[in-house]
Amino acid sequence: MVMFCISNQAEWFEDYFAQCKKELWPREKEDERQELEEFKQKSQKQREEKFLQAAQPSSRDLQ
């Protein structure tokens, strides 16, 4: 039990786990995030336009 407590010191593993975390989940770059936001907005706008076109009665339906 004593050996486990001695060998299981958090400060020995903090750097290792921090490095692994950075490698597995890198931070997003600002330009990549901006590009993703623009894509989301463009997609949302297209969906809204499709919905509005489908919701508007066509001139054939009115005759």
N, C-alpha and C. Protein backbone atom coordinates (compact mmCIF):
# COMPACT_ATOMS: atom_id res chain seq x y z
N MET A 1 0.83 -1.19 0.00
CA MET A 1 0.00 0.00 0.00
C MET A 1 0.87 1.25 0.00
N VAL A 2 1.93 1.24 0.75
CA VAL A 2 2.83 2.38 0.81
C VAL A 2 3.46 2.63 -0.56
N MET A 3 3.87 1.56 -1.23
CA MET A 3 4.48 1.69 -2.56
C MET A 3 3.48 2.30 -3.55
N PHE A 4 2.23 1.89 -3.45
CA PHE A 4 1.21 2.44 -4.33
C PHE A 4 1.07 3.94 -4.10
N CYS A 5 1.01 4.36 -2.85
CA CYS A 5 0.85 5.78 -2.53
C CYS A 5 2.06 6.60 -2.99
N ILE A 6 3.23 6.02 -2.87
CA ILE A 6 4.44 6.73 -3.29
C ILE A 6 4.50 6.84 -4.81
N SER A 7 4.19 5.74 -5.49
CA SER A 7 4.31 5.74 -6.96
C SER A 7 3.14 6.42 -7.65
N ASN A 8 2.06 6.65 -6.94
CA ASN A 8 0.87 7.24 -7.54
C ASN A 8 0.78 8.74 -7.23
N GLN A 9 1.86 9.45 -7.47
CA GLN A 9 1.90 10.89 -7.22
C GLN A 9 1.37 11.64 -8.45
N ALA A 10 0.39 12.48 -8.24
CA ALA A 10 -0.26 13.19 -9.35
C ALA A 10 0.71 14.07 -10.13
N GLU A 11 1.61 14.73 -9.45
CA GLU A 11 2.52 15.64 -10.15
C GLU A 11 3.44 14.91 -11.13
N TRP A 12 3.62 13.63 -10.97
CA TRP A 12 4.44 12.86 -11.90
C TRP A 12 3.71 12.62 -13.22
N PHE A 13 2.40 12.63 -13.17
CA PHE A 13 1.62 12.29 -14.35
C PHE A 13 0.89 13.49 -14.98
N GLU A 14 0.88 14.63 -14.31
CA GLU A 14 0.14 15.78 -14.82
C GLU A 14 0.62 16.20 -16.20
N ASP A 15 1.92 16.32 -16.38
CA ASP A 15 2.44 16.74 -17.68
C ASP A 15 2.12 15.72 -18.76
N TYR A 16 2.24 14.45 -18.43
CA TYR A 16 1.95 13.39 -19.40
C TYR A 16 0.49 13.44 -19.84
N PHE A 17 -0.43 13.54 -18.90
CA PHE A 17 -1.84 13.57 -19.25
C PHE A 17 -2.23 14.87 -19.96
N ALA A 18 -1.62 15.97 -19.58
CA ALA A 18 -1.89 17.24 -20.27
C ALA A 18 -1.44 17.15 -21.73
N GLN A 19 -0.28 16.55 -21.96
CA GLN A 19 0.22 16.40 -23.32
C GLN A 19 -0.68 15.47 -24.14
N CYS A 20 -1.11 14.36 -23.54
CA CYS A 20 -2.01 13.43 -24.23
C CYS A 20 -3.33 14.11 -24.58
N LYS A 21 -3.84 14.89 -23.66
CA LYS A 21 -5.10 15.60 -23.90
C LYS A 21 -4.95 16.58 -25.06
N LYS A 22 -3.83 17.29 -25.12
CA LYS A 22 -3.60 18.24 -26.21
C LYS A 22 -3.50 17.52 -27.55
N GLU A 23 -2.90 16.33 -27.55
CA GLU A 23 -2.76 15.57 -28.79
C GLU A 23 -4.10 15.00 -29.25
N LEU A 24 -4.91 14.52 -28.31
CA LEU A 24 -6.18 13.91 -28.67
C LEU A 24 -7.25 14.94 -29.02
N TRP A 25 -7.29 16.03 -28.29
CA TRP A 25 -8.30 17.07 -28.51
C TRP A 25 -7.63 18.42 -28.66
N PRO A 26 -7.06 18.67 -29.84
CA PRO A 26 -6.38 19.96 -30.02
C PRO A 26 -7.38 21.11 -30.03
N ARG A 27 -6.93 22.26 -29.64
CA ARG A 27 -7.80 23.44 -29.66
C ARG A 27 -8.08 23.82 -31.10
N GLU A 28 -9.27 24.33 -31.31
CA GLU A 28 -9.64 24.76 -32.65
C GLU A 28 -8.92 26.06 -32.99
N LYS A 29 -8.53 26.16 -34.22
CA LYS A 29 -7.92 27.40 -34.67
C LYS A 29 -9.04 28.39 -34.98
N GLU A 30 -8.75 29.67 -34.82
CA GLU A 30 -9.77 30.70 -34.99
C GLU A 30 -10.35 30.69 -36.40
N ASP A 31 -9.52 30.54 -37.42
CA ASP A 31 -10.04 30.57 -38.79
C ASP A 31 -10.90 29.34 -39.09
N GLU A 32 -10.55 28.19 -38.51
CA GLU A 32 -11.37 27.00 -38.70
C GLU A 32 -12.73 27.16 -38.02
N ARG A 33 -12.74 27.75 -36.85
CA ARG A 33 -13.99 27.98 -36.13
C ARG A 33 -14.87 28.96 -36.90
N GLN A 34 -14.26 30.02 -37.42
CA GLN A 34 -15.01 31.02 -38.19
C GLN A 34 -15.60 30.38 -39.44
N GLU A 35 -14.83 29.54 -40.11
CA GLU A 35 -15.30 28.85 -41.31
C GLU A 35 -16.49 27.95 -40.99
N LEU A 36 -16.42 27.26 -39.87
CA LEU A 36 -17.52 26.40 -39.45
C LEU A 36 -18.77 27.22 -39.14
N GLU A 37 -18.61 28.34 -38.46
CA GLU A 37 -19.75 29.20 -38.15
C GLU A 37 -20.41 29.73 -39.43
N GLU A 38 -19.59 30.12 -40.41
CA GLU A 38 -20.14 30.60 -41.68
C GLU A 38 -20.91 29.50 -42.38
N PHE A 39 -20.39 28.29 -42.35
CA PHE A 39 -21.07 27.15 -42.98
C PHE A 39 -22.41 26.89 -42.29
N LYS A 40 -22.43 26.96 -40.97
CA LYS A 40 -23.67 26.75 -40.22
C LYS A 40 -24.72 27.80 -40.59
N GLN A 41 -24.29 29.05 -40.66
CA GLN A 41 -25.22 30.13 -41.00
C GLN A 41 -25.75 29.97 -42.42
N LYS A 42 -24.88 29.60 -43.35
CA LYS A 42 -25.29 29.40 -44.74
C LYS A 42 -26.30 28.26 -44.85
N SER A 43 -26.03 27.17 -44.15
CA SER A 43 -26.94 26.02 -44.16
C SER A 43 -28.29 26.39 -43.56
N GLN A 44 -28.28 27.13 -42.47
CA GLN A 44 -29.52 27.55 -41.82
C GLN A 44 -30.33 28.44 -42.75
N LYS A 45 -29.66 29.35 -43.44
CA LYS A 45 -30.35 30.25 -44.36
C LYS A 45 -30.98 29.47 -45.51
N GLN A 46 -30.27 28.48 -46.04
CA GLN A 46 -30.81 27.66 -47.12
C GLN A 46 -32.03 26.87 -46.66
N ARG A 47 -31.97 26.32 -45.45
CA ARG A 47 -33.13 25.58 -44.92
C ARG A 47 -34.33 26.50 -44.75
N GLU A 48 -34.10 27.71 -44.24
CA GLU A 48 -35.19 28.66 -44.06
C GLU A 48 -35.81 29.04 -45.40
N GLU A 49 -34.98 29.26 -46.42
CA GLU A 49 -35.49 29.61 -47.74
C GLU A 49 -36.32 28.47 -48.33
N LYS A 50 -35.85 27.24 -48.18
CA LYS A 50 -36.60 26.08 -48.66
C LYS A 50 -37.95 25.99 -47.94
N PHE A 51 -37.93 26.20 -46.65
CA PHE A 51 -39.15 26.12 -45.86
C PHE A 51 -40.14 27.20 -46.29
N LEU A 52 -39.64 28.42 -46.50
CA LEU A 52 -40.52 29.51 -46.92
C LEU A 52 -41.09 29.26 -48.31
N GLN A 53 -40.29 28.72 -49.20
CA GLN A 53 -40.78 28.42 -50.55
C GLN A 53 -41.85 27.34 -50.49
N ALA A 54 -41.66 26.35 -49.66
CA ALA A 54 -42.64 25.28 -49.53
C ALA A 54 -43.92 25.79 -48.86
N ALA A 55 -43.79 26.77 -47.98
CA ALA A 55 -44.94 27.28 -47.25
C ALA A 55 -45.77 28.25 -48.09
N GLN A 56 -45.16 28.91 -49.06
CA GLN A 56 -45.89 29.86 -49.89
C GLN A 56 -46.74 29.11 -50.90
N PRO A 57 -47.99 29.49 -51.01
CA PRO A 57 -48.83 28.83 -52.02
C PRO A 57 -48.39 29.25 -53.42
N SER A 58 -48.32 28.32 -54.32
CA SER A 58 -47.92 28.65 -55.68
C SER A 58 -49.10 29.26 -56.42
N SER A 59 -48.84 29.92 -57.53
CA SER A 59 -49.91 30.57 -58.28
C SER A 59 -50.87 29.55 -58.88
N ARG A 60 -50.42 28.32 -59.12
CA ARG A 60 -51.30 27.27 -59.64
C ARG A 60 -52.36 26.89 -58.60
N ASP A 61 -52.01 26.93 -57.35
CA ASP A 61 -52.96 26.56 -56.29
C ASP A 61 -54.07 27.59 -56.14
N LEU A 62 -53.79 28.84 -56.48
CA LEU A 62 -54.77 29.90 -56.30
C LEU A 62 -55.80 29.93 -57.43
N GLN A 63 -55.52 29.36 -58.58
CA GLN A 63 -56.45 29.41 -59.72
C GLN A 63 -57.50 28.36 -59.64
